Amino acid sequence: DCSLQMGGSDQWGNIVNGVELARRIDQRSIFGLTTPLVTT
């Protein structure tokens, strides 16, 4: 029953793909959250 994937900003496209796949296959709303790229 996992409904949130988190990751770095470079993973945004991959996360969005998962959100859309769940909506299309299982008609389920799930979410994605990314963090900024951390630099010094």
PDB file of all heavy atoms in Angstrom:
ATOM      1  N   ASP A   1       0.830  -1.199   0.000  1.00  0.00           N
ATOM      2  CA  ASP A   1       0.000   0.000   0.000  1.00  0.00           C
ATOM      3  C   ASP A   1       0.871   1.259   0.000  1.00  0.00           C
ATOM      4  O   ASP A   1       0.537   2.280   0.608  1.00  0.00           O
ATOM      5  CB  ASP A   1      -0.946   0.014   1.207  1.00  0.00           C
ATOM      6  CG  ASP A   1      -2.045   1.065   1.060  1.00  0.00           C
ATOM      7  OD1 ASP A   1      -2.410   1.388  -0.086  1.00  0.00           O
ATOM      8  OD2 ASP A   1      -2.528   1.571   2.093  1.00  0.00           O
ATOM      9  N   CYS A   2       2.004   1.187  -0.680  1.00  0.00           N
ATOM     10  CA  CYS A   2       2.931   2.318  -0.756  1.00  0.00           C
ATOM     11  C   CYS A   2       2.387   3.346  -1.746  1.00  0.00           C
ATOM     12  O   CYS A   2       2.093   3.025  -2.897  1.00  0.00           O
ATOM     13  CB  CYS A   2       4.309   1.832  -1.205  1.00  0.00           C
ATOM     14  SG  CYS A   2       5.530   3.146  -1.400  1.00  0.00           S
ATOM     15  N   SER A   3       2.265   4.591  -1.304  1.00  0.00           N
ATOM     16  CA  SER A   3       1.667   5.610  -2.170  1.00  0.00           C
ATOM     17  C   SER A   3       2.543   6.845  -2.339  1.00  0.00           C
ATOM     18  O   SER A   3       2.081   7.862  -2.852  1.00  0.00           O
ATOM     19  CB  SER A   3       0.296   6.019  -1.624  1.00  0.00           C
ATOM     20  OG  SER A   3       0.366   6.329  -0.250  1.00  0.00           O
ATOM     21  N   LEU A   4       3.805   6.760  -1.940  1.00  0.00           N
ATOM     22  CA  LEU A   4       4.717   7.894  -2.119  1.00  0.00           C
ATOM     23  C   LEU A   4       6.111   7.376  -2.426  1.00  0.00           C
ATOM     24  O   LEU A   4       6.636   6.520  -1.722  1.00  0.00           O
ATOM     25  CB  LEU A   4       4.757   8.753  -0.841  1.00  0.00           C
ATOM     26  CG  LEU A   4       5.783   9.887  -0.794  1.00  0.00           C
ATOM     27  CD1 LEU A   4       5.521  10.930  -1.884  1.00  0.00           C
ATOM     28  CD2 LEU A   4       5.806  10.545   0.593  1.00  0.00           C
ATOM     29  N   GLN A   5       6.698   7.906  -3.516  1.00  0.00           N
ATOM     30  CA  GLN A   5       8.104   7.653  -3.807  1.00  0.00           C
ATOM     31  C   GLN A   5       8.859   8.969  -3.663  1.00  0.00           C
ATOM     32  O   GLN A   5       8.424  10.010  -4.159  1.00  0.00           O
ATOM     33  CB  GLN A   5       8.318   7.102  -5.221  1.00  0.00           C
ATOM     34  CG  GLN A   5       9.796   6.825  -5.494  1.00  0.00           C
ATOM     35  CD  GLN A   5      10.100   6.344  -6.907  1.00  0.00           C
ATOM     36  OE1 GLN A   5      11.255   6.151  -7.271  1.00  0.00           O
ATOM     37  NE2 GLN A   5       9.071   6.140  -7.704  1.00  0.00           N
ATOM     38  N   MET A   6       9.991   8.917  -2.982  1.00  0.00           N
ATOM     39  CA  MET A   6      10.821  10.095  -2.805  1.00  0.00           C
ATOM     40  C   MET A   6      12.196   9.854  -3.416  1.00  0.00           C
ATOM     41  O   MET A   6      12.616   8.716  -3.604  1.00  0.00           O
ATOM     42  CB  MET A   6      10.954  10.424  -1.315  1.00  0.00           C
ATOM     43  CG  MET A   6       9.616  10.636  -0.624  1.00  0.00           C
ATOM     44  SD  MET A   6       9.728  11.129   1.109  1.00  0.00           S
ATOM     45  CE  MET A   6      10.348   9.618   1.870  1.00  0.00           C
ATOM     46  N   GLY A   7      12.890  10.934  -3.734  1.00  0.00           N
ATOM     47  CA  GLY A   7      14.220  10.800  -4.315  1.00  0.00           C
ATOM     48  C   GLY A   7      14.802  12.157  -4.658  1.00  0.00           C
ATOM     49  O   GLY A   7      14.195  13.200  -4.401  1.00  0.00           O
ATOM     50  N   GLY A   8      15.985  12.135  -5.241  1.00  0.00           N
ATOM     51  CA  GLY A   8      16.632  13.361  -5.672  1.00  0.00           C
ATOM     52  C   GLY A   8      15.975  13.929  -6.916  1.00  0.00           C
ATOM     53  O   GLY A   8      15.216  13.241  -7.608  1.00  0.00           O
ATOM     54  N   SER A   9      16.268  15.180  -7.218  1.00  0.00           N
ATOM     55  CA  SER A   9      15.631  15.847  -8.357  1.00  0.00           C
ATOM     56  C   SER A   9      15.945  15.162  -9.679  1.00  0.00           C
ATOM     57  O   SER A   9      15.166  15.246 -10.629  1.00  0.00           O
ATOM     58  CB  SER A   9      16.056  17.321  -8.419  1.00  0.00           C
ATOM     59  OG  SER A   9      17.470  17.432  -8.518  1.00  0.00           O
ATOM     60  N   ASP A  10      17.083  14.436  -9.762  1.00  0.00           N
ATOM     61  CA  ASP A  10      17.423  13.731 -10.996  1.00  0.00           C
ATOM     62  C   ASP A  10      16.498  12.541 -11.243  1.00  0.00           C
ATOM     63  O   ASP A  10      16.488  11.980 -12.339  1.00  0.00           O
ATOM     64  CB  ASP A  10      18.877  13.272 -10.976  1.00  0.00           C
ATOM     65  CG  ASP A  10      19.182  12.322  -9.821  1.00  0.00           C
ATOM     66  OD1 ASP A  10      18.467  12.374  -8.803  1.00  0.00           O
ATOM     67  OD2 ASP A  10      20.129  11.526  -9.945  1.00  0.00           O
ATOM     68  N   GLN A  11      15.700  12.161 -10.230  1.00  0.00           N
ATOM     69  CA  GLN A  11      14.790  11.024 -10.368  1.00  0.00           C
ATOM     70  C   GLN A  11      13.362  11.451 -10.717  1.00  0.00           C
ATOM     71  O   GLN A  11      12.474  10.604 -10.795  1.00  0.00           O
ATOM     72  CB  GLN A  11      14.762  10.221  -9.062  1.00  0.00           C
ATOM     73  CG  GLN A  11      16.091   9.575  -8.713  1.00  0.00           C
ATOM     74  CD  GLN A  11      16.524   8.556  -9.742  1.00  0.00           C
ATOM     75  OE1 GLN A  11      15.730   7.726 -10.182  1.00  0.00           O
ATOM     76  NE2 GLN A  11      17.776   8.616 -10.152  1.00  0.00           N
ATOM     77  N   TRP A  12      13.134  12.733 -10.933  1.00  0.00           N
ATOM     78  CA  TRP A  12      11.778  13.233 -11.148  1.00  0.00           C
ATOM     79  C   TRP A  12      11.066  12.504 -12.293  1.00  0.00           C
ATOM     80  O   TRP A  12       9.924  12.054 -12.148  1.00  0.00           O
ATOM     81  CB  TRP A  12      11.811  14.728 -11.415  1.00  0.00           C
ATOM     82  CG  TRP A  12      10.466  15.336 -11.686  1.00  0.00           C
ATOM     83  CD1 TRP A  12      10.005  15.829 -12.871  1.00  0.00           C
ATOM     84  CD2 TRP A  12       9.391  15.523 -10.751  1.00  0.00           C
ATOM     85  NE1 TRP A  12       8.726  16.321 -12.742  1.00  0.00           N
ATOM     86  CE2 TRP A  12       8.329  16.133 -11.447  1.00  0.00           C
ATOM     87  CE3 TRP A  12       9.230  15.231  -9.398  1.00  0.00           C
ATOM     88  CZ2 TRP A  12       7.120  16.461 -10.823  1.00  0.00           C
ATOM     89  CZ3 TRP A  12       8.029  15.559  -8.784  1.00  0.00           C
ATOM     90  CH2 TRP A  12       6.998  16.161  -9.497  1.00  0.00           C
ATOM     91  N   GLY A  13      11.716  12.377 -13.421  1.00  0.00           N
ATOM     92  CA  GLY A  13      11.087  11.714 -14.564  1.00  0.00           C
ATOM     93  C   GLY A  13      10.717  10.273 -14.268  1.00  0.00           C
ATOM     94  O   GLY A  13       9.622   9.809 -14.610  1.00  0.00           O
ATOM     95  N   ASN A  14      11.623   9.546 -13.612  1.00  0.00           N
ATOM     96  CA  ASN A  14      11.350   8.153 -13.260  1.00  0.00           C
ATOM     97  C   ASN A  14      10.190   8.041 -12.273  1.00  0.00           C
ATOM     98  O   ASN A  14       9.360   7.128 -12.361  1.00  0.00           O
ATOM     99  CB  ASN A  14      12.598   7.513 -12.650  1.00  0.00           C
ATOM    100  CG  ASN A  14      13.755   7.395 -13.635  1.00  0.00           C
ATOM    101  OD1 ASN A  14      13.557   7.452 -14.846  1.00  0.00           O
ATOM    102  ND2 ASN A  14      14.955   7.249 -13.123  1.00  0.00           N
ATOM    103  N   ILE A  15      10.135   8.973 -11.316  1.00  0.00           N
ATOM    104  CA  ILE A  15       9.063   8.953 -10.320  1.00  0.00           C
ATOM    105  C   ILE A  15       7.717   9.250 -10.970  1.00  0.00           C
ATOM    106  O   ILE A  15       6.711   8.574 -10.707  1.00  0.00           O
ATOM    107  CB  ILE A  15       9.362   9.956  -9.191  1.00  0.00           C
ATOM    108  CG1 ILE A  15      10.563   9.464  -8.363  1.00  0.00           C
ATOM    109  CG2 ILE A  15       8.143  10.157  -8.292  1.00  0.00           C
ATOM    110  CD1 ILE A  15      11.061  10.453  -7.327  1.00  0.00           C
ATOM    111  N   VAL A  16       7.677  10.254 -11.835  1.00  0.00           N
ATOM    112  CA  VAL A  16       6.434  10.610 -12.537  1.00  0.00           C
ATOM    113  C   VAL A  16       5.940   9.436 -13.379  1.00  0.00           C
ATOM    114  O   VAL A  16       4.734   9.167 -13.455  1.00  0.00           O
ATOM    115  CB  VAL A  16       6.638  11.864 -13.403  1.00  0.00           C
ATOM    116  CG1 VAL A  16       5.447  12.081 -14.332  1.00  0.00           C
ATOM    117  CG2 VAL A  16       6.834  13.093 -12.509  1.00  0.00           C
ATOM    118  N   ASN A  17       6.857   8.713 -14.006  1.00  0.00           N
ATOM    119  CA  ASN A  17       6.461   7.530 -14.775  1.00  0.00           C
ATOM    120  C   ASN A  17       5.733   6.516 -13.892  1.00  0.00           C
ATOM    121  O   ASN A  17       4.744   5.902 -14.309  1.00  0.00           O
ATOM    122  CB  ASN A  17       7.706   6.860 -15.383  1.00  0.00           C
ATOM    123  CG  ASN A  17       8.166   7.539 -16.654  1.00  0.00           C
ATOM    124  OD1 ASN A  17       7.372   8.156 -17.354  1.00  0.00           O
ATOM    125  ND2 ASN A  17       9.454   7.434 -16.941  1.00  0.00           N
ATOM    126  N   GLY A  18       6.220   6.325 -12.660  1.00  0.00           N
ATOM    127  CA  GLY A  18       5.570   5.397 -11.743  1.00  0.00           C
ATOM    128  C   GLY A  18       4.198   5.870 -11.317  1.00  0.00           C
ATOM    129  O   GLY A  18       3.252   5.075 -11.209  1.00  0.00           O
ATOM    130  N   VAL A  19       4.077   7.173 -11.073  1.00  0.00           N
ATOM    131  CA  VAL A  19       2.782   7.750 -10.701  1.00  0.00           C
ATOM    132  C   VAL A  19       1.761   7.517 -11.816  1.00  0.00           C
ATOM    133  O   VAL A  19       0.614   7.115 -11.572  1.00  0.00           O
ATOM    134  CB  VAL A  19       2.936   9.263 -10.412  1.00  0.00           C
ATOM    135  CG1 VAL A  19       1.572   9.929 -10.267  1.00  0.00           C
ATOM    136  CG2 VAL A  19       3.773   9.482  -9.155  1.00  0.00           C
ATOM    137  N   GLU A  20       2.186   7.753 -13.048  1.00  0.00           N
ATOM    138  CA  GLU A  20       1.274   7.609 -14.189  1.00  0.00           C
ATOM    139  C   GLU A  20       0.959   6.153 -14.480  1.00  0.00           C
ATOM    140  O   GLU A  20      -0.167   5.823 -14.873  1.00  0.00           O
ATOM    141  CB  GLU A  20       1.877   8.290 -15.413  1.00  0.00           C
ATOM    142  CG  GLU A  20       1.985   9.811 -15.249  1.00  0.00           C
ATOM    143  CD  GLU A  20       2.493  10.495 -16.495  1.00  0.00           C
ATOM    144  OE1 GLU A  20       2.904   9.795 -17.450  1.00  0.00           O
ATOM    145  OE2 GLU A  20       2.488  11.744 -16.524  1.00  0.00           O
ATOM    146  N   LEU A  21       1.932   5.263 -14.272  1.00  0.00           N
ATOM    147  CA  LEU A  21       1.686   3.845 -14.522  1.00  0.00           C
ATOM    148  C   LEU A  21       0.630   3.306 -13.554  1.00  0.00           C
ATOM    149  O   LEU A  21      -0.273   2.559 -13.963  1.00  0.00           O
ATOM    150  CB  LEU A  21       2.986   3.052 -14.379  1.00  0.00           C
ATOM    151  CG  LEU A  21       2.904   1.569 -14.760  1.00  0.00           C
ATOM    152  CD1 LEU A  21       2.596   1.395 -16.241  1.00  0.00           C
ATOM    153  CD2 LEU A  21       4.214   0.847 -14.409  1.00  0.00           C
ATOM    154  N   ALA A  22       0.711   3.688 -12.282  1.00  0.00           N
ATOM    155  CA  ALA A  22      -0.283   3.239 -11.302  1.00  0.00           C
ATOM    156  C   ALA A  22      -1.674   3.773 -11.642  1.00  0.00           C
ATOM    157  O   ALA A  22      -2.683   3.083 -11.455  1.00  0.00           O
ATOM    158  CB  ALA A  22       0.131   3.684  -9.905  1.00  0.00           C
ATOM    159  N   ARG A  23      -1.721   4.996 -12.137  1.00  0.00           N
ATOM    160  CA  ARG A  23      -3.020   5.574 -12.520  1.00  0.00           C
ATOM    161  C   ARG A  23      -3.622   4.824 -13.700  1.00  0.00           C
ATOM    162  O   ARG A  23      -4.824   4.535 -13.722  1.00  0.00           O
ATOM    163  CB  ARG A  23      -2.838   7.052 -12.871  1.00  0.00           C
ATOM    164  CG  ARG A  23      -4.112   7.741 -13.341  1.00  0.00           C
ATOM    165  CD  ARG A  23      -3.871   9.204 -13.649  1.00  0.00           C
ATOM    166  NE  ARG A  23      -2.850   9.413 -14.664  1.00  0.00           N
ATOM    167  CZ  ARG A  23      -3.067   9.300 -15.981  1.00  0.00           C
ATOM    168  NH1 ARG A  23      -4.266   8.963 -16.427  1.00  0.00           N
ATOM    169  NH2 ARG A  23      -2.087   9.517 -16.831  1.00  0.00           N
ATOM    170  N   ARG A  24      -2.791   4.466 -14.673  1.00  0.00           N
ATOM    171  CA  ARG A  24      -3.304   3.808 -15.871  1.00  0.00           C
ATOM    172  C   ARG A  24      -3.643   2.334 -15.636  1.00  0.00           C
ATOM    173  O   ARG A  24      -4.641   1.837 -16.150  1.00  0.00           O
ATOM    174  CB  ARG A  24      -2.271   3.917 -16.993  1.00  0.00           C
ATOM    175  CG  ARG A  24      -2.102   5.338 -17.520  1.00  0.00           C
ATOM    176  CD  ARG A  24      -0.926   5.438 -18.471  1.00  0.00           C
ATOM    177  NE  ARG A  24      -0.778   6.779 -19.010  1.00  0.00           N
ATOM    178  CZ  ARG A  24       0.273   7.197 -19.692  1.00  0.00           C
ATOM    179  NH1 ARG A  24       1.290   6.367 -19.908  1.00  0.00           N
ATOM    180  NH2 ARG A  24       0.331   8.426 -20.165  1.00  0.00           N
ATOM    181  N   ILE A  25      -2.811   1.643 -14.875  1.00  0.00           N
ATOM    182  CA  ILE A  25      -2.990   0.205 -14.679  1.00  0.00           C
ATOM    183  C   ILE A  25      -3.991  -0.092 -13.563  1.00  0.00           C
ATOM    184  O   ILE A  25      -4.909  -0.911 -13.722  1.00  0.00           O
ATOM    185  CB  ILE A  25      -1.650  -0.480 -14.357  1.00  0.00           C
ATOM    186  CG1 ILE A  25      -0.651  -0.295 -15.501  1.00  0.00           C
ATOM    187  CG2 ILE A  25      -1.850  -1.966 -14.054  1.00  0.00           C
ATOM    188  CD1 ILE A  25      -0.965  -1.056 -16.754  1.00  0.00           C
ATOM    189  N   ASP A  26      -3.817   0.564 -12.412  1.00  0.00           N
ATOM    190  CA  ASP A  26      -4.635   0.255 -11.229  1.00  0.00           C
ATOM    191  C   ASP A  26      -5.631   1.351 -10.884  1.00  0.00           C
ATOM    192  O   ASP A  26      -6.334   1.248  -9.867  1.00  0.00           O
ATOM    193  CB  ASP A  26      -3.729   0.020 -10.008  1.00  0.00           C
ATOM    194  CG  ASP A  26      -2.970  -1.298 -10.093  1.00  0.00           C
ATOM    195  OD1 ASP A  26      -3.270  -2.105 -11.007  1.00  0.00           O
ATOM    196  OD2 ASP A  26      -2.062  -1.525  -9.262  1.00  0.00           O
ATOM    197  N   GLN A  27      -5.667   2.408 -11.698  1.00  0.00           N
ATOM    198  CA  GLN A  27      -6.556   3.548 -11.423  1.00  0.00           C
ATOM    199  C   GLN A  27      -6.364   4.057  -9.997  1.00  0.00           C
ATOM    200  O   GLN A  27      -7.303   4.356  -9.266  1.00  0.00           O
ATOM    201  CB  GLN A  27      -8.035   3.197 -11.648  1.00  0.00           C
ATOM    202  CG  GLN A  27      -8.387   2.914 -13.096  1.00  0.00           C
ATOM    203  CD  GLN A  27      -7.920   1.541 -13.552  1.00  0.00           C
ATOM    204  OE1 GLN A  27      -8.193   0.538 -12.903  1.00  0.00           O
ATOM    205  NE2 GLN A  27      -7.215   1.482 -14.670  1.00  0.00           N
ATOM    206  N   ARG A  28      -5.105   4.178  -9.605  1.00  0.00           N
ATOM    207  CA  ARG A  28      -4.772   4.583  -8.239  1.00  0.00           C
ATOM    208  C   ARG A  28      -3.964   5.877  -8.249  1.00  0.00           C
ATOM    209  O   ARG A  28      -3.096   6.063  -9.105  1.00  0.00           O
ATOM    210  CB  ARG A  28      -3.971   3.487  -7.549  1.00  0.00           C
ATOM    211  CG  ARG A  28      -3.606   3.854  -6.126  1.00  0.00           C
ATOM    212  CD  ARG A  28      -2.928   2.759  -5.368  1.00  0.00           C
ATOM    213  NE  ARG A  28      -2.617   3.210  -4.017  1.00  0.00           N
ATOM    214  CZ  ARG A  28      -1.953   2.505  -3.128  1.00  0.00           C
ATOM    215  NH1 ARG A  28      -1.526   1.290  -3.443  1.00  0.00           N
ATOM    216  NH2 ARG A  28      -1.717   2.992  -1.920  1.00  0.00           N
ATOM    217  N   SER A  29      -4.250   6.745  -7.296  1.00  0.00           N
ATOM    218  CA  SER A  29      -3.498   7.992  -7.152  1.00  0.00           C
ATOM    219  C   SER A  29      -2.351   7.779  -6.168  1.00  0.00           C
ATOM    220  O   SER A  29      -2.583   7.460  -4.997  1.00  0.00           O
ATOM    221  CB  SER A  29      -4.399   9.120  -6.637  1.00  0.00           C
ATOM    222  OG  SER A  29      -5.377   9.452  -7.594  1.00  0.00           O
ATOM    223  N   ILE A  30      -1.142   7.915  -6.665  1.00  0.00           N
ATOM    224  CA  ILE A  30       0.036   7.857  -5.812  1.00  0.00           C
ATOM    225  C   ILE A  30       0.874   9.110  -6.087  1.00  0.00           C
ATOM    226  O   ILE A  30       0.594   9.858  -7.031  1.00  0.00           O
ATOM    227  CB  ILE A  30       0.853   6.567  -6.011  1.00  0.00           C
ATOM    228  CG1 ILE A  30       1.248   6.385  -7.470  1.00  0.00           C
ATOM    229  CG2 ILE A  30       0.055   5.369  -5.531  1.00  0.00           C
ATOM    230  CD1 ILE A  30       2.086   5.127  -7.713  1.00  0.00           C
ATOM    231  N   PHE A  31       1.919   9.336  -5.298  1.00  0.00           N
ATOM    232  CA  PHE A  31       2.556  10.638  -5.294  1.00  0.00           C
ATOM    233  C   PHE A  31       4.079  10.525  -5.399  1.00  0.00           C
ATOM    234  O   PHE A  31       4.668   9.490  -5.102  1.00  0.00           O
ATOM    235  CB  PHE A  31       2.199  11.386  -4.004  1.00  0.00           C
ATOM    236  CG  PHE A  31       0.721  11.510  -3.760  1.00  0.00           C
ATOM    237  CD1 PHE A  31       0.034  10.514  -3.069  1.00  0.00           C
ATOM    238  CD2 PHE A  31       0.010  12.604  -4.231  1.00  0.00           C
ATOM    239  CE1 PHE A  31      -1.329  10.611  -2.846  1.00  0.00           C
ATOM    240  CE2 PHE A  31      -1.355  12.707  -4.015  1.00  0.00           C
ATOM    241  CZ  PHE A  31      -2.024  11.708  -3.324  1.00  0.00           C
ATOM    242  N   GLY A  32       4.670  11.628  -5.803  1.00  0.00           N
ATOM    243  CA  GLY A  32       6.127  11.715  -5.874  1.00  0.00           C
ATOM    244  C   GLY A  32       6.621  13.006  -5.249  1.00  0.00           C
ATOM    245  O   GLY A  32       5.959  14.047  -5.329  1.00  0.00           O
ATOM    246  N   LEU A  33       7.797  12.930  -4.610  1.00  0.00           N
ATOM    247  CA  LEU A  33       8.412  14.099  -3.976  1.00  0.00           C
ATOM    248  C   LEU A  33       9.914  14.024  -4.198  1.00  0.00           C
ATOM    249  O   LEU A  33      10.526  12.973  -3.968  1.00  0.00           O
ATOM    250  CB  LEU A  33       8.088  14.107  -2.484  1.00  0.00           C
ATOM    251  CG  LEU A  33       8.505  15.316  -1.623  1.00  0.00           C
ATOM    252  CD1 LEU A  33       7.644  15.370  -0.365  1.00  0.00           C
ATOM    253  CD2 LEU A  33       9.976  15.234  -1.200  1.00  0.00           C
ATOM    254  N   THR A  34      10.501  15.118  -4.660  1.00  0.00           N
ATOM    255  CA  THR A  34      11.950  15.131  -4.866  1.00  0.00           C
ATOM    256  C   THR A  34      12.606  16.249  -4.063  1.00  0.00           C
ATOM    257  O   THR A  34      11.975  17.245  -3.715  1.00  0.00           O
ATOM    258  CB  THR A  34      12.327  15.307  -6.349  1.00  0.00           C
ATOM    259  OG1 THR A  34      11.829  16.564  -6.830  1.00  0.00           O
ATOM    260  CG2 THR A  34      11.774  14.171  -7.187  1.00  0.00           C
ATOM    261  N   THR A  35      13.888  16.052  -3.811  1.00  0.00           N
ATOM    262  CA  THR A  35      14.700  17.042  -3.107  1.00  0.00           C
ATOM    263  C   THR A  35      15.580  17.777  -4.112  1.00  0.00           C
ATOM    264  O   THR A  35      15.891  17.253  -5.185  1.00  0.00           O
ATOM    265  CB  THR A  35      15.611  16.361  -2.075  1.00  0.00           C
ATOM    266  OG1 THR A  35      16.461  15.423  -2.762  1.00  0.00           O
ATOM    267  CG2 THR A  35      14.796  15.622  -1.041  1.00  0.00           C
ATOM    268  N   PRO A  36      16.006  18.996  -3.772  1.00  0.00           N
ATOM    269  CA  PRO A  36      16.942  19.697  -4.663  1.00  0.00           C
ATOM    270  C   PRO A  36      18.280  18.974  -4.710  1.00  0.00           C
ATOM    271  O   PRO A  36      18.644  18.245  -3.780  1.00  0.00           O
ATOM    272  CB  PRO A  36      17.101  21.078  -4.004  1.00  0.00           C
ATOM    273  CG  PRO A  36      16.024  21.179  -2.984  1.00  0.00           C
ATOM    274  CD  PRO A  36      15.676  19.783  -2.574  1.00  0.00           C
ATOM    275  N   LEU A  37      19.010  19.188  -5.788  1.00  0.00           N
ATOM    276  CA  LEU A  37      20.384  18.709  -5.853  1.00  0.00           C
ATOM    277  C   LEU A  37      21.202  19.505  -4.842  1.00  0.00           C
ATOM    278  O   LEU A  37      21.212  20.734  -4.863  1.00  0.00           O
ATOM    279  CB  LEU A  37      20.954  18.909  -7.257  1.00  0.00           C
ATOM    280  CG  LEU A  37      22.429  18.559  -7.451  1.00  0.00           C
ATOM    281  CD1 LEU A  37      22.646  17.060  -7.285  1.00  0.00           C
ATOM    282  CD2 LEU A  37      22.921  19.022  -8.814  1.00  0.00           C
ATOM    283  N   VAL A  38      21.845  18.808  -3.931  1.00  0.00           N
ATOM    284  CA  VAL A  38      22.620  19.482  -2.884  1.00  0.00           C
ATOM    285  C   VAL A  38      24.060  19.647  -3.356  1.00  0.00           C
ATOM    286  O   VAL A  38      24.744  18.670  -3.661  1.00  0.00           O
ATOM    287  CB  VAL A  38      22.584  18.693  -1.562  1.00  0.00           C
ATOM    288  CG1 VAL A  38      23.388  19.428  -0.485  1.00  0.00           C
ATOM    289  CG2 VAL A  38      21.150  18.505  -1.102  1.00  0.00           C
ATOM    290  N   THR A  39      24.502  20.888  -3.408  1.00  0.00           N
ATOM    291  CA  THR A  39      25.884  21.188  -3.769  1.00  0.00           C
ATOM    292  C   THR A  39      26.515  22.017  -2.658  1.00  0.00           C
ATOM    293  O   THR A  39      25.829  22.616  -1.839  1.00  0.00           O
ATOM    294  CB  THR A  39      25.967  21.967  -5.093  1.00  0.00           C
ATOM    295  OG1 THR A  39      25.216  23.191  -4.968  1.00  0.00           O
ATOM    296  CG2 THR A  39      25.399  21.157  -6.245  1.00  0.00           C
ATOM    297  N   THR A  40      27.822  22.040  -2.645  1.00  0.00           N
ATOM    298  CA  THR A  40      28.540  22.884  -1.691  1.00  0.00           C
ATOM    299  C   THR A  40      28.600  24.305  -2.237  1.00  0.00           C
ATOM    300  O   THR A  40      28.227  24.566  -3.379  1.00  0.00           O
ATOM    301  CB  THR A  40      29.964  22.360  -1.463  1.00  0.00           C
ATOM    302  OG1 THR A  40      30.690  22.449  -2.697  1.00  0.00           O
ATOM    303  CG2 THR A  40      29.932  20.908  -0.987  1.00  0.00           C
TER     304      THR A  40
END
